[in-house]
C-alpha atoms as a PDB file:
ATOM      1  CA  MET A   1      60.223  53.930  60.659  1.00  0.00           C
ATOM      2  CA  THR A   2      57.066  54.020  58.679  1.00  0.00           C
ATOM      3  CA  SER A   3      54.101  56.009  59.868  1.00  0.00           C
ATOM      4  CA  LYS A   4      50.636  55.074  58.778  1.00  0.00           C
ATOM      5  CA  THR A   5      48.632  58.113  57.279  1.00  0.00           C
ATOM      6  CA  LEU A   6      44.840  58.112  57.838  1.00  0.00           C
ATOM      7  CA  VAL A   7      42.946  58.388  54.678  1.00  0.00           C
ATOM      8  CA  SER A   8      40.421  61.588  54.748  1.00  0.00           C
ATOM      9  CA  PRO A   9      36.879  60.108  55.637  1.00  0.00           C
ATOM     10  CA  THR A  10      35.655  62.895  52.921  1.00  0.00           C
ATOM     11  CA  ILE A  11      37.856  61.185  50.400  1.00  0.00           C
ATOM     12  CA  GLN A  12      36.874  57.703  51.371  1.00  0.00           C
ATOM     13  CA  ARG A  13      33.246  58.731  50.618  1.00  0.00           C
ATOM     14  CA  LYS A  14      33.711  60.456  47.523  1.00  0.00           C
ATOM     15  CA  TYR A  15      34.038  57.312  45.631  1.00  0.00           C
ATOM     16  CA  LYS A  16      31.468  55.162  47.521  1.00  0.00           C
ATOM     17  CA  LYS A  17      28.501  57.784  47.448  1.00  0.00           C
ATOM     18  CA  SER A  18      29.457  58.853  43.820  1.00  0.00           C
ATOM     19  CA  GLY A  19      29.206  55.561  42.391  1.00  0.00           C
ATOM     20  CA  LYS A  20      32.288  56.351  39.947  1.00  0.00           C
ATOM     21  CA  ARG A  21      34.676  53.747  39.134  1.00  0.00           C
ATOM     22  CA  VAL A  22      38.069  54.039  41.032  1.00  0.00           C
ATOM     23  CA  PRO A  23      40.752  54.549  38.849  1.00  0.00           C
ATOM     24  CA  ILE A  24      43.408  51.635  38.503  1.00  0.00           C
ATOM     25  CA  VAL A  25      47.088  52.624  38.448  1.00  0.00           C
ATOM     26  CA  ASP A  26      50.096  50.162  36.771  1.00  0.00           C
ATOM     27  CA  THR A  27      52.850  50.805  39.331  1.00  0.00           C
ATOM     28  CA  SER A  28      55.100  47.792  37.600  1.00  0.00           C
ATOM     29  CA  GLN A  29      57.281  50.676  36.247  1.00  0.00           C
ATOM     30  CA  ALA A  30      57.281  52.701  39.072  1.00  0.00           C
ATOM     31  CA  ARG A  31      60.739  51.608  40.612  1.00  0.00           C
ATOM     32  CA  SER A  32      61.940  54.555  42.750  1.00  0.00           C
ATOM     33  CA  ASN A  33      59.014  56.497  43.719  1.00  0.00           C
ATOM     34  CA  ILE A  34      56.933  53.522  44.509  1.00  0.00           C
ATOM     35  CA  GLU A  35      56.535  54.454  48.447  1.00  0.00           C
ATOM     36  CA  VAL A  36      55.476  58.014  47.780  1.00  0.00           C
ATOM     37  CA  LEU A  37      53.139  56.895  45.098  1.00  0.00           C
ATOM     38  CA  ARG A  38      51.568  54.013  47.107  1.00  0.00           C
ATOM     39  CA  MET A  39      50.786  56.735  49.609  1.00  0.00           C
ATOM     40  CA  CYS A  40      49.107  58.830  47.202  1.00  0.00           C
ATOM     41  CA  LEU A  41      46.933  56.002  45.832  1.00  0.00           C
ATOM     42  CA  GLN A  42      45.916  55.240  49.479  1.00  0.00           C
ATOM     43  CA  GLU A  43      44.977  59.125  50.082  1.00  0.00           C
ATOM     44  CA  LEU A  44      42.955  58.842  46.958  1.00  0.00           C
ATOM     45  CA  ASN A  45      41.425  55.472  47.670  1.00  0.00           C
ATOM     46  CA  TRP A  46      42.581  54.524  44.221  1.00  0.00           C
ATOM     47  CA  LYS A  47      43.301  51.062  43.131  1.00  0.00           C
ATOM     48  CA  GLU A  48      47.254  49.506  42.350  1.00  0.00           C
ATOM     49  CA  ARG A  49      48.129  47.032  39.670  1.00  0.00           C
ATOM     50  CA  THR A  50      51.617  45.700  40.292  1.00  0.00           C
ATOM     51  CA  THR A  51      51.838  43.727  37.092  1.00  0.00           C
ATOM     52  CA  SER A  52      52.001  45.257  33.782  1.00  0.00           C
ATOM     53  CA  SER A  53      48.573  44.664  32.090  1.00  0.00           C
ATOM     54  CA  PHE A  54      47.634  46.404  28.555  1.00  0.00           C
ATOM     55  CA  THR A  55      43.967  46.319  29.365  1.00  0.00           C
ATOM     56  CA  ASP A  56      43.258  46.691  33.177  1.00  0.00           C
ATOM     57  CA  SER A  57      44.951  50.116  33.935  1.00  0.00           C
ATOM     58  CA  ASP A  58      43.916  53.639  33.741  1.00  0.00           C
ATOM     59  CA  ILE A  59      47.152  55.043  34.516  1.00  0.00           C
ATOM     60  CA  TYR A  60      50.863  53.636  33.771  1.00  0.00           C
ATOM     61  CA  TRP A  61      53.282  55.268  36.362  1.00  0.00           C
ATOM     62  CA  HIS A  62      56.883  55.296  34.857  1.00  0.00           C
ATOM     63  CA  SER A  63      60.015  56.280  37.107  1.00  0.00           C
ATOM     64  CA  GLY A  64      62.403  56.419  34.384  1.00  0.00           C
ATOM     65  CA  THR A  65      62.422  57.583  30.716  1.00  0.00           C
ATOM     66  CA  PHE A  66      59.503  57.300  28.659  1.00  0.00           C
ATOM     67  CA  HIS A  67      60.000  56.319  25.037  1.00  0.00           C
ATOM     68  CA  GLU A  68      56.889  56.574  22.631  1.00  0.00           C
ATOM     69  CA  GLY A  69      56.808  52.889  21.399  1.00  0.00           C
ATOM     70  CA  ASN A  70      58.097  51.123  24.161  1.00  0.00           C
ATOM     71  CA  ARG A  71      54.547  49.826  24.845  1.00  0.00           C
ATOM     72  CA  ASN A  72      51.543  49.644  22.862  1.00  0.00           C
ATOM     73  CA  PHE A  73      49.226  52.165  24.571  1.00  0.00           C
ATOM     74  CA  GLY A  74      47.143  52.802  21.586  1.00  0.00           C
ATOM     75  CA  LEU A  75      45.086  49.645  22.366  1.00  0.00           C
ATOM     76  CA  THR A  76      43.841  51.349  25.596  1.00  0.00           C
ATOM     77  CA  SER A  77      42.777  54.708  26.841  1.00  0.00           C
ATOM     78  CA  ALA A  78      44.992  54.714  29.283  1.00  0.00           C
ATOM     79  CA  ARG A  79      47.224  57.682  30.163  1.00  0.00           C
ATOM     80  CA  VAL A  80      51.033  57.817  31.058  1.00  0.00           C
ATOM     81  CA  ASN A  81      52.486  60.165  33.430  1.00  0.00           C
ATOM     82  CA  LYS A  82      55.210  61.066  31.600  1.00  0.00           C
ATOM     83  CA  PHE A  83      55.309  62.762  27.800  1.00  0.00           C
ATOM     84  CA  PRO A  84      57.549  60.740  25.285  1.00  0.00           C
ATOM     85  CA  GLY A  85      61.419  61.505  25.806  1.00  0.00           C
ATOM     86  CA  MET A  86      60.597  63.189  29.353  1.00  0.00           C
ATOM     87  CA  ILE A  87      63.388  62.515  31.870  1.00  0.00           C
ATOM     88  CA  SER A  88      62.306  62.599  35.505  1.00  0.00           C
END
């Protein structure tokens, strides 16, 4: 049973009026928290990328442990939602 959450009109207008680039979040590693993450992305009006890509995403979302070196993030200015070695 899923309920559809309406996106706030203020948030929808935020990116349209400002002309700012909408952040892209790589959710290919999100796994267990993907449903909550998708609701948040929808509410913020951000874009989701479900395939892993090193150059297109602004944020890489990991649900499990993130180890430094398991991806080459040095090539991009993207951010990761965890610190290296952090568990949940």
